Amino acid sequence: MNAQETAVILIEFQNDFCKEGGKLYGLVKDEIARQDTIGNGAKLANAAREKGCLIIHCPFTFDEQWVEDKGICGIVENVKESGAFRAGEWGAEIIDEVKPAEGDLILAGKRALSACTNTGLTEILEERGIKNVACAGFLSNVCVEATARSAYDLGYQVRIVKDATAAGSKDNQEYVEREIYPILGGAMTVDELIESLE
């Protein structure tokens, strides 16, 4: 893949998921440890940046008014109950290990599952001449999958960086790696993705 035509989307590498004391940390801590998600996420961001990829951070910010107006239920309703991802709070901040660097972009407005919704991501990809999208982050079977599906439907070559993701369980992780990611373009490790970049 041409690095100049590749965007790496880092989804919800935020304290509420990634750090002790985070409101959703208990959900993913075992998989973070098993996958070394944070270490691999940092490795991915740094190596892809050095290769010339566009790094896009996509944090989730809970928007109570939007949830009420739209009648949203399911996992976003669960986020409401947890109190996670509130703007201005520690839990919503991007973790230090993958802090945005010069040249990175930070998307605002992610309040649904796909990073392509409400964020301007599609316009950014078009303006930058991006053809390839690599997704990493949380949750493997929710927002990472939703973003990968959206990007696939928009005509991008999609890869999911499987060892820089985490689900709520090993079973969920293995399911999406086996059954879902192949139909969206495939899963790669950080090392495999970096090696594939020209």
N, C-alpha and C. Protein backbone atom coordinates (compact mmCIF):
# COMPACT_ATOMS: atom_id res chain seq x y z
N MET A 1 0.84 -1.19 0.00
CA MET A 1 0.00 0.00 0.00
C MET A 1 0.88 1.25 0.00
N ASN A 2 0.42 2.26 -0.70
CA ASN A 2 1.13 3.52 -0.73
C ASN A 2 0.85 4.28 0.58
N ALA A 3 1.90 4.55 1.34
CA ALA A 3 1.73 5.21 2.63
C ALA A 3 1.08 6.58 2.49
N GLN A 4 1.41 7.30 1.42
CA GLN A 4 0.85 8.63 1.22
C GLN A 4 -0.65 8.60 0.95
N GLU A 5 -1.15 7.44 0.58
CA GLU A 5 -2.58 7.28 0.29
C GLU A 5 -3.29 6.49 1.39
N THR A 6 -2.65 6.38 2.55
CA THR A 6 -3.17 5.56 3.65
C THR A 6 -3.43 6.39 4.88
N ALA A 7 -4.62 6.21 5.46
CA ALA A 7 -4.97 6.83 6.73
C ALA A 7 -5.09 5.75 7.79
N VAL A 8 -4.50 6.00 8.94
CA VAL A 8 -4.64 5.12 10.10
C VAL A 8 -5.60 5.80 11.06
N ILE A 9 -6.71 5.15 11.34
CA ILE A 9 -7.74 5.72 12.20
C ILE A 9 -7.66 5.06 13.57
N LEU A 10 -7.33 5.86 14.56
CA LEU A 10 -7.17 5.39 15.94
C LEU A 10 -8.45 5.72 16.70
N ILE A 11 -9.23 4.70 16.97
CA ILE A 11 -10.59 4.87 17.49
C ILE A 11 -10.62 4.68 19.01
N GLU A 12 -10.94 5.75 19.70
CA GLU A 12 -11.26 5.72 21.13
C GLU A 12 -10.13 5.20 22.02
N PHE A 13 -8.90 5.57 21.69
CA PHE A 13 -7.79 5.31 22.61
C PHE A 13 -7.87 6.36 23.72
N GLN A 14 -8.86 6.22 24.57
CA GLN A 14 -9.18 7.20 25.60
C GLN A 14 -9.07 6.57 26.98
N ASN A 15 -8.87 7.42 27.97
CA ASN A 15 -8.67 6.94 29.33
C ASN A 15 -9.81 6.06 29.83
N ASP A 16 -11.04 6.38 29.47
CA ASP A 16 -12.16 5.59 29.97
C ASP A 16 -12.10 4.13 29.53
N PHE A 17 -11.48 3.85 28.40
CA PHE A 17 -11.25 2.47 27.97
C PHE A 17 -9.90 1.92 28.46
N CYS A 18 -8.89 2.75 28.42
CA CYS A 18 -7.51 2.24 28.45
C CYS A 18 -6.81 2.28 29.80
N LYS A 19 -7.33 2.99 30.76
CA LYS A 19 -6.59 3.21 32.00
C LYS A 19 -7.37 2.79 33.24
N GLU A 20 -6.63 2.29 34.21
CA GLU A 20 -7.21 1.99 35.52
C GLU A 20 -7.94 3.23 36.02
N GLY A 21 -9.17 3.05 36.45
CA GLY A 21 -9.99 4.19 36.86
C GLY A 21 -10.91 4.67 35.76
N GLY A 22 -10.66 4.24 34.52
CA GLY A 22 -11.56 4.56 33.43
C GLY A 22 -12.89 3.84 33.60
N LYS A 23 -13.96 4.50 33.22
CA LYS A 23 -15.30 3.95 33.47
C LYS A 23 -15.60 2.66 32.71
N LEU A 24 -14.91 2.42 31.61
CA LEU A 24 -15.13 1.19 30.83
C LEU A 24 -13.90 0.28 30.81
N TYR A 25 -12.91 0.63 31.60
CA TYR A 25 -11.66 -0.14 31.62
C TYR A 25 -11.90 -1.61 31.99
N GLY A 26 -12.78 -1.84 32.95
CA GLY A 26 -13.06 -3.21 33.38
C GLY A 26 -13.58 -4.10 32.25
N LEU A 27 -14.26 -3.50 31.31
CA LEU A 27 -14.81 -4.25 30.17
C LEU A 27 -13.72 -4.82 29.27
N VAL A 28 -12.62 -4.08 29.13
CA VAL A 28 -11.61 -4.45 28.13
C VAL A 28 -10.22 -4.74 28.69
N LYS A 29 -10.02 -4.60 29.99
CA LYS A 29 -8.66 -4.69 30.53
C LYS A 29 -7.99 -6.02 30.23
N ASP A 30 -8.73 -7.12 30.27
CA ASP A 30 -8.12 -8.42 30.00
C ASP A 30 -7.66 -8.53 28.54
N GLU A 31 -8.47 -8.02 27.64
CA GLU A 31 -8.11 -8.07 26.23
C GLU A 31 -7.00 -7.08 25.89
N ILE A 32 -7.00 -5.93 26.55
CA ILE A 32 -5.89 -4.99 26.37
C ILE A 32 -4.58 -5.66 26.75
N ALA A 33 -4.60 -6.39 27.87
CA ALA A 33 -3.39 -7.07 28.32
C ALA A 33 -3.01 -8.20 27.37
N ARG A 34 -3.98 -8.99 26.96
CA ARG A 34 -3.69 -10.14 26.08
C ARG A 34 -3.18 -9.68 24.73
N GLN A 35 -3.76 -8.63 24.20
CA GLN A 35 -3.42 -8.14 22.86
C GLN A 35 -2.26 -7.14 22.87
N ASP A 36 -1.92 -6.61 24.04
CA ASP A 36 -1.01 -5.47 24.16
C ASP A 36 -1.51 -4.33 23.27
N THR A 37 -2.80 -4.06 23.40
CA THR A 37 -3.45 -3.08 22.54
C THR A 37 -2.81 -1.70 22.61
N ILE A 38 -2.49 -1.25 23.80
CA ILE A 38 -1.94 0.09 23.95
C ILE A 38 -0.53 0.16 23.38
N GLY A 39 0.30 -0.81 23.71
CA GLY A 39 1.65 -0.84 23.16
C GLY A 39 1.64 -0.93 21.65
N ASN A 40 0.77 -1.77 21.13
CA ASN A 40 0.68 -1.92 19.68
C ASN A 40 0.05 -0.69 19.02
N GLY A 41 -0.89 -0.05 19.71
CA GLY A 41 -1.46 1.19 19.17
C GLY A 41 -0.42 2.28 19.04
N ALA A 42 0.43 2.40 20.07
CA ALA A 42 1.50 3.40 20.02
C ALA A 42 2.50 3.06 18.93
N LYS A 43 2.86 1.80 18.82
CA LYS A 43 3.79 1.35 17.78
C LYS A 43 3.22 1.65 16.39
N LEU A 44 1.94 1.37 16.21
CA LEU A 44 1.27 1.63 14.94
C LEU A 44 1.30 3.12 14.60
N ALA A 45 0.91 3.96 15.55
CA ALA A 45 0.87 5.40 15.29
C ALA A 45 2.25 5.93 14.91
N ASN A 46 3.25 5.54 15.67
CA ASN A 46 4.60 6.06 15.42
C ASN A 46 5.18 5.56 14.11
N ALA A 47 5.04 4.26 13.86
CA ALA A 47 5.64 3.68 12.65
C ALA A 47 4.91 4.15 11.39
N ALA A 48 3.58 4.22 11.45
CA ALA A 48 2.82 4.67 10.28
C ALA A 48 3.08 6.14 10.00
N ARG A 49 3.22 6.93 11.05
CA ARG A 49 3.54 8.35 10.90
C ARG A 49 4.89 8.51 10.21
N GLU A 50 5.87 7.73 10.64
CA GLU A 50 7.22 7.79 10.04
C GLU A 50 7.20 7.38 8.57
N LYS A 51 6.30 6.47 8.22
CA LYS A 51 6.20 6.02 6.83
C LYS A 51 5.50 7.06 5.94
N GLY A 52 4.80 8.01 6.57
CA GLY A 52 4.11 9.05 5.80
C GLY A 52 2.61 8.90 5.74
N CYS A 53 2.04 8.02 6.56
CA CYS A 53 0.59 7.88 6.60
C CYS A 53 -0.05 9.06 7.33
N LEU A 54 -1.30 9.30 7.04
CA LEU A 54 -2.10 10.27 7.78
C LEU A 54 -2.63 9.58 9.02
N ILE A 55 -2.36 10.14 10.19
CA ILE A 55 -2.86 9.58 11.45
C ILE A 55 -4.06 10.40 11.88
N ILE A 56 -5.19 9.71 12.09
CA ILE A 56 -6.42 10.38 12.48
C ILE A 56 -6.91 9.78 13.80
N HIS A 57 -7.01 10.64 14.80
CA HIS A 57 -7.51 10.23 16.11
C HIS A 57 -9.01 10.46 16.14
N CYS A 58 -9.74 9.47 16.61
CA CYS A 58 -11.19 9.58 16.61
C CYS A 58 -11.75 9.23 17.98
N PRO A 59 -11.73 10.20 18.90
CA PRO A 59 -12.30 9.96 20.22
C PRO A 59 -13.83 10.05 20.19
N PHE A 60 -14.45 9.34 21.11
CA PHE A 60 -15.89 9.40 21.29
C PHE A 60 -16.20 10.45 22.36
N THR A 61 -17.18 11.28 22.10
CA THR A 61 -17.66 12.22 23.11
C THR A 61 -19.15 12.01 23.29
N PHE A 62 -19.55 11.69 24.50
CA PHE A 62 -20.97 11.45 24.75
C PHE A 62 -21.74 12.75 24.61
N ASP A 63 -22.81 12.70 23.83
CA ASP A 63 -23.65 13.87 23.56
C ASP A 63 -25.07 13.54 24.02
N GLU A 64 -25.37 13.92 25.24
CA GLU A 64 -26.66 13.54 25.84
C GLU A 64 -27.85 14.08 25.05
N GLN A 65 -27.75 15.33 24.58
CA GLN A 65 -28.87 15.91 23.84
C GLN A 65 -29.13 15.14 22.55
N TRP A 66 -28.05 14.76 21.86
CA TRP A 66 -28.19 13.99 20.62
C TRP A 66 -28.84 12.65 20.90
N VAL A 67 -28.41 11.98 21.97
CA VAL A 67 -28.99 10.68 22.33
C VAL A 67 -30.48 10.83 22.61
N GLU A 68 -30.85 11.86 23.35
CA GLU A 68 -32.27 12.07 23.66
C GLU A 68 -33.06 12.43 22.41
N ASP A 69 -32.52 13.30 21.58
CA ASP A 69 -33.23 13.72 20.37
C ASP A 69 -33.45 12.55 19.42
N LYS A 70 -32.45 11.67 19.32
CA LYS A 70 -32.54 10.57 18.36
C LYS A 70 -33.18 9.32 18.95
N GLY A 71 -33.35 9.28 20.25
CA GLY A 71 -33.92 8.09 20.87
C GLY A 71 -32.96 6.90 20.82
N ILE A 72 -31.68 7.19 20.92
CA ILE A 72 -30.66 6.14 20.81
C ILE A 72 -30.73 5.20 22.01
N CYS A 73 -30.59 3.90 21.72
CA CYS A 73 -30.56 2.91 22.80
C CYS A 73 -29.34 2.02 22.57
N GLY A 74 -29.33 0.85 23.15
CA GLY A 74 -28.22 -0.08 22.94
C GLY A 74 -26.94 0.38 23.60
N ILE A 75 -25.83 0.18 22.91
CA ILE A 75 -24.52 0.44 23.53
C ILE A 75 -24.30 1.90 23.87
N VAL A 76 -24.82 2.82 23.07
CA VAL A 76 -24.65 4.24 23.40
C VAL A 76 -25.47 4.59 24.64
N GLU A 77 -26.59 3.96 24.81
CA GLU A 77 -27.36 4.13 26.06
C GLU A 77 -26.56 3.61 27.25
N ASN A 78 -25.83 2.52 27.05
CA ASN A 78 -24.97 1.99 28.11
C ASN A 78 -23.86 2.97 28.46
N VAL A 79 -23.32 3.65 27.45
CA VAL A 79 -22.30 4.67 27.71
C VAL A 79 -22.90 5.77 28.58
N LYS A 80 -24.13 6.15 28.29
CA LYS A 80 -24.80 7.17 29.10
C LYS A 80 -24.86 6.75 30.56
N GLU A 81 -25.27 5.51 30.79
CA GLU A 81 -25.40 5.01 32.16
C GLU A 81 -24.06 4.93 32.87
N SER A 82 -22.99 4.65 32.12
CA SER A 82 -21.66 4.52 32.73
C SER A 82 -21.05 5.87 33.10
N GLY A 83 -21.51 6.94 32.44
CA GLY A 83 -20.93 8.26 32.66
C GLY A 83 -19.61 8.46 31.92
N ALA A 84 -19.32 7.59 30.97
CA ALA A 84 -18.04 7.65 30.25
C ALA A 84 -18.04 8.70 29.15
N PHE A 85 -16.82 9.09 28.76
CA PHE A 85 -16.58 9.93 27.59
C PHE A 85 -17.26 11.30 27.66
N ARG A 86 -17.26 11.89 28.84
CA ARG A 86 -17.85 13.22 29.00
C ARG A 86 -16.82 14.28 28.64
N ALA A 87 -17.21 15.20 27.79
CA ALA A 87 -16.31 16.26 27.34
C ALA A 87 -15.71 17.00 28.52
N GLY A 88 -14.40 17.26 28.45
CA GLY A 88 -13.71 17.99 29.49
C GLY A 88 -13.25 17.16 30.66
N GLU A 89 -13.62 15.89 30.71
CA GLU A 89 -13.22 15.03 31.81
C GLU A 89 -12.02 14.17 31.42
N TRP A 90 -11.28 13.72 32.42
CA TRP A 90 -10.10 12.89 32.21
C TRP A 90 -10.42 11.66 31.36
N GLY A 91 -11.55 11.04 31.60
CA GLY A 91 -11.90 9.81 30.89
C GLY A 91 -12.01 9.97 29.39
N ALA A 92 -12.35 11.16 28.94
CA ALA A 92 -12.52 11.40 27.50
C ALA A 92 -11.21 11.74 26.81
N GLU A 93 -10.16 12.00 27.57
CA GLU A 93 -8.88 12.40 26.97
C GLU A 93 -8.20 11.22 26.27
N ILE A 94 -7.49 11.52 25.18
CA ILE A 94 -6.69 10.52 24.49
C ILE A 94 -5.51 10.16 25.38
N ILE A 95 -5.19 8.88 25.45
CA ILE A 95 -4.13 8.42 26.35
C ILE A 95 -2.77 8.95 25.90
N ASP A 96 -1.88 9.08 26.85
CA ASP A 96 -0.56 9.65 26.58
C ASP A 96 0.22 8.84 25.55
N GLU A 97 0.06 7.53 25.57
CA GLU A 97 0.84 6.67 24.68
C GLU A 97 0.59 6.94 23.20
N VAL A 98 -0.59 7.42 22.87
CA VAL A 98 -0.90 7.71 21.46
C VAL A 98 -1.31 9.18 21.27
N LYS A 99 -0.81 10.04 22.14
CA LYS A 99 -1.15 11.46 22.03
C LYS A 99 -0.88 11.95 20.59
N PRO A 100 -1.76 12.77 20.07
CA PRO A 100 -1.56 13.31 18.73
C PRO A 100 -0.24 14.06 18.60
N ALA A 101 0.42 13.84 17.47
CA ALA A 101 1.68 14.51 17.15
C ALA A 101 1.43 15.52 16.04
N GLU A 102 2.43 16.32 15.76
CA GLU A 102 2.32 17.31 14.69
C GLU A 102 1.96 16.62 13.38
N GLY A 103 0.96 17.14 12.71
CA GLY A 103 0.51 16.57 11.45
C GLY A 103 -0.66 15.61 11.60
N ASP A 104 -0.90 15.11 12.81
CA ASP A 104 -2.06 14.25 13.04
C ASP A 104 -3.33 15.09 13.03
N LEU A 105 -4.45 14.44 12.76
CA LEU A 105 -5.75 15.10 12.84
C LEU A 105 -6.55 14.50 13.99
N ILE A 106 -7.35 15.33 14.64
CA ILE A 106 -8.26 14.86 15.68
C ILE A 106 -9.68 15.16 15.22
N LEU A 107 -10.47 14.13 15.07
CA LEU A 107 -11.85 14.30 14.64
C LEU A 107 -12.72 14.71 15.83
N ALA A 108 -13.63 15.59 15.59
CA ALA A 108 -14.62 15.97 16.60
C ALA A 108 -15.98 15.45 16.14
N GLY A 109 -16.85 15.21 17.09
CA GLY A 109 -18.22 14.89 16.75
C GLY A 109 -18.59 13.43 16.74
N LYS A 110 -17.65 12.53 17.09
CA LYS A 110 -18.02 11.10 17.09
C LYS A 110 -18.92 10.82 18.29
N ARG A 111 -20.16 10.53 17.97
CA ARG A 111 -21.13 10.21 19.02
C ARG A 111 -21.94 8.98 18.65
N ALA A 112 -21.60 8.39 17.51
CA ALA A 112 -22.22 7.14 17.08
C ALA A 112 -21.12 6.09 16.93
N LEU A 113 -21.42 4.96 16.35
CA LEU A 113 -20.45 3.88 16.29
C LEU A 113 -19.38 4.09 15.23
N SER A 114 -19.75 4.47 14.03
CA SER A 114 -18.79 4.63 12.95
C SER A 114 -18.09 5.98 13.02
N ALA A 115 -16.79 5.96 12.81
CA ALA A 115 -16.02 7.21 12.76
C ALA A 115 -16.38 8.03 11.53
N CYS A 116 -17.12 7.46 10.61
CA CYS A 116 -17.54 8.18 9.41
C CYS A 116 -18.81 9.00 9.64
N THR A 117 -19.43 8.86 10.80
CA THR A 117 -20.69 9.53 11.09
C THR A 117 -20.46 10.76 11.97
N ASN A 118 -20.95 11.90 11.54
CA ASN A 118 -20.93 13.16 12.30
C ASN A 118 -19.55 13.80 12.46
N THR A 119 -18.52 13.29 11.79
CA THR A 119 -17.16 13.73 12.09
C THR A 119 -16.45 14.48 10.97
N GLY A 120 -16.95 14.42 9.77
CA GLY A 120 -16.24 15.01 8.64
C GLY A 120 -15.13 14.12 8.11
N LEU A 121 -15.05 12.88 8.60
CA LEU A 121 -13.97 11.98 8.17
C LEU A 121 -14.00 11.75 6.67
N THR A 122 -15.16 11.52 6.11
CA THR A 122 -15.25 11.22 4.68
C THR A 122 -14.66 12.36 3.84
N GLU A 123 -14.99 13.59 4.21
CA GLU A 123 -14.47 14.74 3.48
C GLU A 123 -12.94 14.84 3.61
N ILE A 124 -12.43 14.56 4.79
CA ILE A 124 -10.98 14.59 5.00
C ILE A 124 -10.28 13.56 4.11
N LEU A 125 -10.81 12.36 4.07
CA LEU A 125 -10.21 11.31 3.26
C LEU A 125 -10.21 11.69 1.78
N GLU A 126 -11.31 12.26 1.33
CA GLU A 126 -11.40 12.67 -0.07
C GLU A 126 -10.42 13.79 -0.38
N GLU A 127 -10.37 14.79 0.49
CA GLU A 127 -9.48 15.94 0.27
C GLU A 127 -8.01 15.53 0.25
N ARG A 128 -7.65 14.54 1.05
CA ARG A 128 -6.26 14.11 1.16
C ARG A 128 -5.87 13.04 0.14
N GLY A 129 -6.81 12.63 -0.70
CA GLY A 129 -6.51 11.61 -1.70
C GLY A 129 -6.25 10.24 -1.11
N ILE A 130 -6.90 9.96 0.01
CA ILE A 130 -6.71 8.67 0.69
C ILE A 130 -7.44 7.57 -0.07
N LYS A 131 -6.77 6.43 -0.21
CA LYS A 131 -7.37 5.26 -0.85
C LYS A 131 -7.46 4.06 0.08
N ASN A 132 -6.60 4.05 1.11
CA ASN A 132 -6.52 2.93 2.04
C ASN A 132 -6.81 3.41 3.46
N VAL A 133 -7.59 2.63 4.20
CA VAL A 133 -7.93 2.98 5.57
C VAL A 133 -7.59 1.80 6.46
N ALA A 134 -6.80 2.07 7.50
CA ALA A 134 -6.46 1.05 8.50
C ALA A 134 -7.08 1.46 9.83
N CYS A 135 -7.87 0.58 10.41
CA CYS A 135 -8.60 0.90 11.63
C CYS A 135 -8.00 0.16 12.83
N ALA A 136 -7.94 0.86 13.96
CA ALA A 136 -7.47 0.27 15.21
C ALA A 136 -8.23 0.90 16.36
N GLY A 137 -8.28 0.21 17.49
CA GLY A 137 -8.88 0.80 18.67
C GLY A 137 -9.97 -0.04 19.29
N PHE A 138 -11.03 0.64 19.71
CA PHE A 138 -12.05 0.04 20.56
C PHE A 138 -13.45 0.32 20.01
N LEU A 139 -14.35 -0.54 20.27
CA LEU A 139 -14.21 -1.95 20.52
C LEU A 139 -14.09 -2.66 19.18
N SER A 140 -13.36 -3.73 19.15
CA SER A 140 -13.12 -4.45 17.90
C SER A 140 -14.39 -4.79 17.15
N ASN A 141 -15.39 -5.22 17.91
CA ASN A 141 -16.63 -5.70 17.31
C ASN A 141 -17.74 -4.65 17.30
N VAL A 142 -17.39 -3.41 17.63
CA VAL A 142 -18.41 -2.35 17.64
C VAL A 142 -17.91 -1.19 16.77
N CYS A 143 -17.20 -0.24 17.36
CA CYS A 143 -16.81 0.96 16.61
C CYS A 143 -15.74 0.70 15.56
N VAL A 144 -14.81 -0.21 15.84
CA VAL A 144 -13.82 -0.54 14.81
C VAL A 144 -14.51 -1.22 13.63
N GLU A 145 -15.36 -2.18 13.94
CA GLU A 145 -16.09 -2.86 12.86
C GLU A 145 -17.00 -1.90 12.10
N ALA A 146 -17.71 -1.04 12.83
CA ALA A 146 -18.62 -0.09 12.17
C ALA A 146 -17.86 0.86 11.25
N THR A 147 -16.73 1.34 11.71
CA THR A 147 -15.92 2.24 10.89
C THR A 147 -15.38 1.52 9.66
N ALA A 148 -14.91 0.30 9.86
CA ALA A 148 -14.40 -0.48 8.73
C ALA A 148 -15.49 -0.74 7.70
N ARG A 149 -16.69 -1.06 8.17
CA ARG A 149 -17.81 -1.29 7.24
C ARG A 149 -18.14 -0.01 6.46
N SER A 150 -18.19 1.11 7.15
CA SER A 150 -18.50 2.37 6.48
C SER A 150 -17.45 2.70 5.44
N ALA A 151 -16.18 2.57 5.81
CA ALA A 151 -15.10 2.87 4.87
C ALA A 151 -15.14 1.92 3.68
N TYR A 152 -15.42 0.67 3.93
CA TYR A 152 -15.53 -0.31 2.85
C TYR A 152 -16.65 0.09 1.88
N ASP A 153 -17.80 0.45 2.44
CA ASP A 153 -18.93 0.84 1.60
C ASP A 153 -18.65 2.11 0.80
N LEU A 154 -17.75 2.95 1.30
CA LEU A 154 -17.38 4.17 0.59
C LEU A 154 -16.32 3.94 -0.48
N GLY A 155 -15.83 2.71 -0.56
CA GLY A 155 -14.90 2.37 -1.63
C GLY A 155 -13.43 2.38 -1.25
N TYR A 156 -13.13 2.44 0.03
CA TYR A 156 -11.73 2.42 0.46
C TYR A 156 -11.24 0.98 0.62
N GLN A 157 -9.94 0.79 0.41
CA GLN A 157 -9.31 -0.48 0.74
C GLN A 157 -9.13 -0.49 2.25
N VAL A 158 -9.71 -1.46 2.92
CA VAL A 158 -9.77 -1.46 4.37
C VAL A 158 -8.92 -2.58 4.96
N ARG A 159 -8.20 -2.25 6.02
CA ARG A 159 -7.51 -3.24 6.84
C ARG A 159 -7.80 -2.91 8.30
N ILE A 160 -7.95 -3.95 9.10
CA ILE A 160 -8.10 -3.77 10.54
C ILE A 160 -6.81 -4.27 11.18
N VAL A 161 -6.24 -3.43 12.04
CA VAL A 161 -4.96 -3.77 12.67
C VAL A 161 -5.30 -4.52 13.96
N LYS A 162 -5.39 -5.83 13.85
CA LYS A 162 -6.02 -6.65 14.88
C LYS A 162 -5.32 -6.62 16.23
N ASP A 163 -4.01 -6.51 16.28
CA ASP A 163 -3.35 -6.51 17.58
C ASP A 163 -3.29 -5.12 18.20
N ALA A 164 -3.89 -4.14 17.54
CA ALA A 164 -4.05 -2.80 18.11
C ALA A 164 -5.52 -2.50 18.33
N THR A 165 -6.29 -3.57 18.58
CA THR A 165 -7.71 -3.45 18.89
C THR A 165 -7.99 -4.25 20.16
N ALA A 166 -9.17 -4.07 20.70
CA ALA A 166 -9.62 -4.89 21.83
C ALA A 166 -11.14 -4.93 21.85
N ALA A 167 -11.65 -6.11 22.20
CA ALA A 167 -13.08 -6.30 22.41
C ALA A 167 -13.30 -6.55 23.90
N GLY A 168 -14.53 -6.85 24.25
CA GLY A 168 -14.83 -7.12 25.65
C GLY A 168 -14.49 -8.52 26.08
N SER A 169 -14.18 -9.39 25.11
CA SER A 169 -13.81 -10.77 25.44
C SER A 169 -12.98 -11.35 24.31
N LYS A 170 -12.23 -12.39 24.64
CA LYS A 170 -11.44 -13.10 23.64
C LYS A 170 -12.35 -13.71 22.58
N ASP A 171 -13.50 -14.23 23.00
CA ASP A 171 -14.44 -14.82 22.04
C ASP A 171 -14.91 -13.79 21.01
N ASN A 172 -15.25 -12.58 21.48
CA ASN A 172 -15.68 -11.54 20.54
C ASN A 172 -14.55 -11.14 19.60
N GLN A 173 -13.35 -11.01 20.15
CA GLN A 173 -12.20 -10.65 19.33
C GLN A 173 -11.96 -11.70 18.24
N GLU A 174 -11.93 -12.94 18.64
CA GLU A 174 -11.66 -14.01 17.68
C GLU A 174 -12.77 -14.13 16.65
N TYR A 175 -14.01 -13.87 17.06
CA TYR A 175 -15.12 -13.93 16.11
C TYR A 175 -14.96 -12.89 15.00
N VAL A 176 -14.72 -11.62 15.37
CA VAL A 176 -14.62 -10.60 14.32
C VAL A 176 -13.39 -10.83 13.45
N GLU A 177 -12.30 -11.29 14.05
CA GLU A 177 -11.10 -11.56 13.25
C GLU A 177 -11.35 -12.68 12.25
N ARG A 178 -12.13 -13.67 12.67
CA ARG A 178 -12.37 -14.83 11.81
C ARG A 178 -13.51 -14.61 10.80
N GLU A 179 -14.60 -13.99 11.27
CA GLU A 179 -15.82 -13.94 10.45
C GLU A 179 -16.09 -12.59 9.78
N ILE A 180 -15.69 -11.51 10.39
CA ILE A 180 -16.07 -10.18 9.89
C ILE A 180 -14.95 -9.49 9.14
N TYR A 181 -13.78 -9.41 9.73
CA TYR A 181 -12.70 -8.67 9.10
C TYR A 181 -12.33 -9.17 7.70
N PRO A 182 -12.34 -10.48 7.45
CA PRO A 182 -12.00 -10.92 6.08
C PRO A 182 -12.93 -10.38 5.00
N ILE A 183 -14.19 -10.18 5.32
CA ILE A 183 -15.11 -9.70 4.28
C ILE A 183 -14.99 -8.19 4.06
N LEU A 184 -14.29 -7.50 4.98
CA LEU A 184 -14.11 -6.06 4.87
C LEU A 184 -12.74 -5.68 4.31
N GLY A 185 -11.92 -6.66 4.03
CA GLY A 185 -10.60 -6.38 3.48
C GLY A 185 -9.48 -7.13 4.17
N GLY A 186 -9.73 -7.52 5.42
CA GLY A 186 -8.76 -8.36 6.11
C GLY A 186 -8.15 -7.71 7.32
N ALA A 187 -7.61 -8.58 8.20
CA ALA A 187 -6.94 -8.14 9.41
C ALA A 187 -5.45 -8.37 9.26
N MET A 188 -4.68 -7.44 9.82
CA MET A 188 -3.22 -7.53 9.80
C MET A 188 -2.71 -7.18 11.19
N THR A 189 -1.51 -7.62 11.50
CA THR A 189 -0.84 -7.13 12.70
C THR A 189 -0.21 -5.78 12.39
N VAL A 190 0.23 -5.11 13.44
CA VAL A 190 0.94 -3.84 13.23
C VAL A 190 2.15 -4.06 12.33
N ASP A 191 2.94 -5.08 12.62
CA ASP A 191 4.14 -5.34 11.83
C ASP A 191 3.81 -5.61 10.37
N GLU A 192 2.76 -6.38 10.13
CA GLU A 192 2.35 -6.69 8.76
C GLU A 192 1.91 -5.43 8.02
N LEU A 193 1.14 -4.59 8.69
CA LEU A 193 0.69 -3.36 8.04
C LEU A 193 1.88 -2.47 7.71
N ILE A 194 2.76 -2.25 8.66
CA ILE A 194 3.90 -1.37 8.42
C ILE A 194 4.77 -1.91 7.30
N GLU A 195 4.97 -3.21 7.28
CA GLU A 195 5.77 -3.82 6.23
C GLU A 195 5.12 -3.65 4.86
N SER A 196 3.81 -3.59 4.81
CA SER A 196 3.09 -3.48 3.54
C SER A 196 3.12 -2.07 2.95
N LEU A 197 3.52 -1.10 3.77
CA LEU A 197 3.51 0.31 3.33
C LEU A 197 4.74 0.66 2.52
N GLU A 198 4.52 1.33 1.42
CA GLU A 198 5.64 1.73 0.55
C GLU A 198 5.79 3.25 0.56
